[in-house]
Amino acid sequence: MNQTRGDALVADYLERVWEAAAGLDPVRREELIQDLREHIAAARAELSPETEAGVQTILDRLGDPAVIAAEA
């Protein structure tokens, strides 16, 4: 898979979480994004080979960005 496509999927997902978490304390918002970024990176490292579908599955398992923000 084109690595940049996987990166674009992740960037879009994290942007949606960022926007949904606008009401959070700024420090907590940054922590949330960093935690998600680390989790996604670890999961992507286990994909062999990495595919667009595999990256999308990781993001789908994390859940809806609005729900993640609300739970934070």
N, C-alpha and C. Protein backbone atom coordinates (compact mmCIF):
# COMPACT_ATOMS: atom_id res chain seq x y z
N MET A 1 0.84 -1.18 0.00
CA MET A 1 0.00 0.00 0.00
C MET A 1 0.88 1.24 0.00
N ASN A 2 0.38 2.25 -0.60
CA ASN A 2 1.05 3.54 -0.57
C ASN A 2 1.02 4.05 0.86
N GLN A 3 2.18 4.17 1.47
CA GLN A 3 2.28 4.58 2.87
C GLN A 3 1.55 5.89 3.13
N THR A 4 1.60 6.80 2.17
CA THR A 4 0.96 8.09 2.40
C THR A 4 -0.56 7.96 2.48
N ARG A 5 -1.16 6.96 1.84
CA ARG A 5 -2.61 6.77 1.95
C ARG A 5 -2.98 6.36 3.36
N GLY A 6 -2.21 5.46 3.95
CA GLY A 6 -2.45 5.07 5.35
C GLY A 6 -2.26 6.26 6.27
N ASP A 7 -1.23 7.04 5.99
CA ASP A 7 -0.98 8.24 6.79
C ASP A 7 -2.13 9.23 6.66
N ALA A 8 -2.69 9.35 5.46
CA ALA A 8 -3.81 10.27 5.23
C ALA A 8 -5.06 9.80 5.98
N LEU A 9 -5.31 8.50 5.99
CA LEU A 9 -6.45 7.98 6.74
C LEU A 9 -6.32 8.30 8.22
N VAL A 10 -5.12 8.08 8.76
CA VAL A 10 -4.88 8.34 10.17
C VAL A 10 -4.99 9.84 10.46
N ALA A 11 -4.41 10.66 9.62
CA ALA A 11 -4.48 12.11 9.82
C ALA A 11 -5.92 12.60 9.81
N ASP A 12 -6.72 12.08 8.89
CA ASP A 12 -8.13 12.48 8.82
C ASP A 12 -8.86 12.05 10.09
N TYR A 13 -8.61 10.85 10.54
CA TYR A 13 -9.26 10.34 11.75
C TYR A 13 -8.90 11.19 12.96
N LEU A 14 -7.60 11.46 13.12
CA LEU A 14 -7.16 12.26 14.27
C LEU A 14 -7.70 13.68 14.20
N GLU A 15 -7.83 14.22 13.01
CA GLU A 15 -8.41 15.56 12.85
C GLU A 15 -9.87 15.56 13.29
N ARG A 16 -10.59 14.50 12.97
CA ARG A 16 -12.00 14.42 13.39
C ARG A 16 -12.11 14.30 14.91
N VAL A 17 -11.20 13.55 15.53
CA VAL A 17 -11.18 13.46 16.99
C VAL A 17 -10.85 14.84 17.58
N TRP A 18 -9.85 15.50 17.02
CA TRP A 18 -9.43 16.83 17.48
C TRP A 18 -10.60 17.81 17.45
N GLU A 19 -11.32 17.82 16.35
CA GLU A 19 -12.46 18.73 16.22
C GLU A 19 -13.57 18.37 17.21
N ALA A 20 -13.83 17.08 17.37
CA ALA A 20 -14.89 16.64 18.29
C ALA A 20 -14.53 16.93 19.74
N ALA A 21 -13.23 17.00 20.03
CA ALA A 21 -12.76 17.23 21.40
C ALA A 21 -12.49 18.70 21.70
N ALA A 22 -13.04 19.59 20.90
CA ALA A 22 -12.79 21.02 21.07
C ALA A 22 -13.15 21.54 22.45
N GLY A 23 -14.11 20.91 23.11
CA GLY A 23 -14.54 21.37 24.43
C GLY A 23 -13.67 20.88 25.58
N LEU A 24 -12.73 20.01 25.29
CA LEU A 24 -11.85 19.50 26.35
C LEU A 24 -10.80 20.53 26.75
N ASP A 25 -10.28 20.34 27.95
CA ASP A 25 -9.11 21.12 28.37
C ASP A 25 -8.02 20.90 27.33
N PRO A 26 -7.31 21.97 26.93
CA PRO A 26 -6.30 21.82 25.87
C PRO A 26 -5.24 20.76 26.15
N VAL A 27 -4.81 20.63 27.40
CA VAL A 27 -3.81 19.62 27.74
C VAL A 27 -4.40 18.23 27.56
N ARG A 28 -5.62 18.04 28.03
CA ARG A 28 -6.27 16.73 27.89
C ARG A 28 -6.51 16.40 26.43
N ARG A 29 -6.83 17.39 25.65
CA ARG A 29 -7.06 17.19 24.21
C ARG A 29 -5.78 16.70 23.54
N GLU A 30 -4.67 17.35 23.86
CA GLU A 30 -3.36 16.93 23.30
C GLU A 30 -3.02 15.51 23.74
N GLU A 31 -3.26 15.20 25.02
CA GLU A 31 -2.97 13.86 25.53
C GLU A 31 -3.79 12.80 24.80
N LEU A 32 -5.06 13.12 24.57
CA LEU A 32 -5.94 12.19 23.87
C LEU A 32 -5.40 11.89 22.47
N ILE A 33 -5.05 12.92 21.75
CA ILE A 33 -4.53 12.74 20.39
C ILE A 33 -3.22 11.95 20.42
N GLN A 34 -2.34 12.27 21.36
CA GLN A 34 -1.06 11.56 21.45
C GLN A 34 -1.28 10.09 21.79
N ASP A 35 -2.19 9.81 22.71
CA ASP A 35 -2.49 8.41 23.06
C ASP A 35 -3.02 7.64 21.85
N LEU A 36 -3.93 8.27 21.12
CA LEU A 36 -4.46 7.63 19.92
C LEU A 36 -3.37 7.42 18.88
N ARG A 37 -2.53 8.43 18.68
CA ARG A 37 -1.44 8.33 17.69
C ARG A 37 -0.53 7.16 18.03
N GLU A 38 -0.18 7.00 19.32
CA GLU A 38 0.70 5.90 19.74
C GLU A 38 0.01 4.55 19.54
N HIS A 39 -1.26 4.47 19.90
CA HIS A 39 -2.00 3.22 19.73
C HIS A 39 -2.08 2.82 18.25
N ILE A 40 -2.39 3.79 17.41
CA ILE A 40 -2.50 3.53 15.97
C ILE A 40 -1.14 3.09 15.41
N ALA A 41 -0.08 3.76 15.81
CA ALA A 41 1.26 3.41 15.32
C ALA A 41 1.63 1.98 15.72
N ALA A 42 1.32 1.60 16.95
CA ALA A 42 1.63 0.24 17.40
C ALA A 42 0.82 -0.79 16.61
N ALA A 43 -0.44 -0.50 16.38
CA ALA A 43 -1.29 -1.43 15.62
C ALA A 43 -0.83 -1.53 14.17
N ARG A 44 -0.44 -0.39 13.59
CA ARG A 44 0.04 -0.40 12.19
C ARG A 44 1.33 -1.19 12.07
N ALA A 45 2.16 -1.14 13.08
CA ALA A 45 3.43 -1.87 13.04
C ALA A 45 3.21 -3.38 12.97
N GLU A 46 2.06 -3.84 13.43
CA GLU A 46 1.75 -5.27 13.40
C GLU A 46 1.15 -5.73 12.07
N LEU A 47 0.79 -4.79 11.21
CA LEU A 47 0.24 -5.15 9.90
C LEU A 47 1.39 -5.55 8.98
N SER A 48 1.24 -6.72 8.37
CA SER A 48 2.28 -7.17 7.47
C SER A 48 1.65 -7.93 6.31
N PRO A 49 1.55 -7.32 5.17
CA PRO A 49 1.93 -5.94 4.86
C PRO A 49 0.81 -4.98 5.28
N GLU A 50 1.16 -3.72 5.40
CA GLU A 50 0.16 -2.72 5.71
C GLU A 50 -0.69 -2.47 4.47
N THR A 51 -1.99 -2.50 4.67
CA THR A 51 -2.92 -2.23 3.58
C THR A 51 -3.86 -1.11 4.01
N GLU A 52 -4.49 -0.49 3.04
CA GLU A 52 -5.48 0.54 3.35
C GLU A 52 -6.61 -0.05 4.20
N ALA A 53 -7.05 -1.25 3.83
CA ALA A 53 -8.12 -1.92 4.58
C ALA A 53 -7.67 -2.21 6.02
N GLY A 54 -6.42 -2.60 6.18
CA GLY A 54 -5.91 -2.87 7.52
C GLY A 54 -5.89 -1.63 8.39
N VAL A 55 -5.45 -0.51 7.82
CA VAL A 55 -5.44 0.75 8.57
C VAL A 55 -6.86 1.17 8.89
N GLN A 56 -7.77 1.03 7.94
CA GLN A 56 -9.16 1.39 8.18
C GLN A 56 -9.77 0.54 9.28
N THR A 57 -9.42 -0.74 9.32
CA THR A 57 -9.91 -1.63 10.37
C THR A 57 -9.44 -1.16 11.74
N ILE A 58 -8.20 -0.75 11.84
CA ILE A 58 -7.66 -0.22 13.11
C ILE A 58 -8.51 0.98 13.56
N LEU A 59 -8.75 1.89 12.63
CA LEU A 59 -9.52 3.09 12.98
C LEU A 59 -10.97 2.75 13.33
N ASP A 60 -11.55 1.81 12.60
CA ASP A 60 -12.92 1.39 12.89
C ASP A 60 -13.03 0.79 14.29
N ARG A 61 -12.02 0.03 14.68
CA ARG A 61 -12.03 -0.60 16.00
C ARG A 61 -11.91 0.44 17.11
N LEU A 62 -11.22 1.51 16.84
CA LEU A 62 -11.11 2.58 17.85
C LEU A 62 -12.47 3.21 18.10
N GLY A 63 -13.25 3.35 17.05
CA GLY A 63 -14.59 3.87 17.20
C GLY A 63 -14.77 5.26 16.62
N ASP A 64 -15.98 5.74 16.76
CA ASP A 64 -16.37 7.03 16.23
C ASP A 64 -15.63 8.14 16.96
N PRO A 65 -15.03 9.07 16.22
CA PRO A 65 -14.30 10.17 16.86
C PRO A 65 -15.14 10.97 17.85
N ALA A 66 -16.41 11.20 17.55
CA ALA A 66 -17.27 11.95 18.47
C ALA A 66 -17.47 11.19 19.79
N VAL A 67 -17.59 9.88 19.71
CA VAL A 67 -17.76 9.07 20.92
C VAL A 67 -16.48 9.09 21.73
N ILE A 68 -15.35 8.96 21.07
CA ILE A 68 -14.06 9.00 21.78
C ILE A 68 -13.91 10.33 22.52
N ALA A 69 -14.22 11.41 21.84
CA ALA A 69 -14.10 12.75 22.46
C ALA A 69 -15.06 12.88 23.64
N ALA A 70 -16.28 12.39 23.47
CA ALA A 70 -17.27 12.49 24.55
C ALA A 70 -16.85 11.69 25.78
N GLU A 71 -16.24 10.55 25.55
CA GLU A 71 -15.80 9.70 26.66
C GLU A 71 -14.57 10.26 27.36
N ALA A 72 -13.82 11.10 26.64
CA ALA A 72 -12.61 11.69 27.23
C ALA A 72 -13.01 12.80 28.18
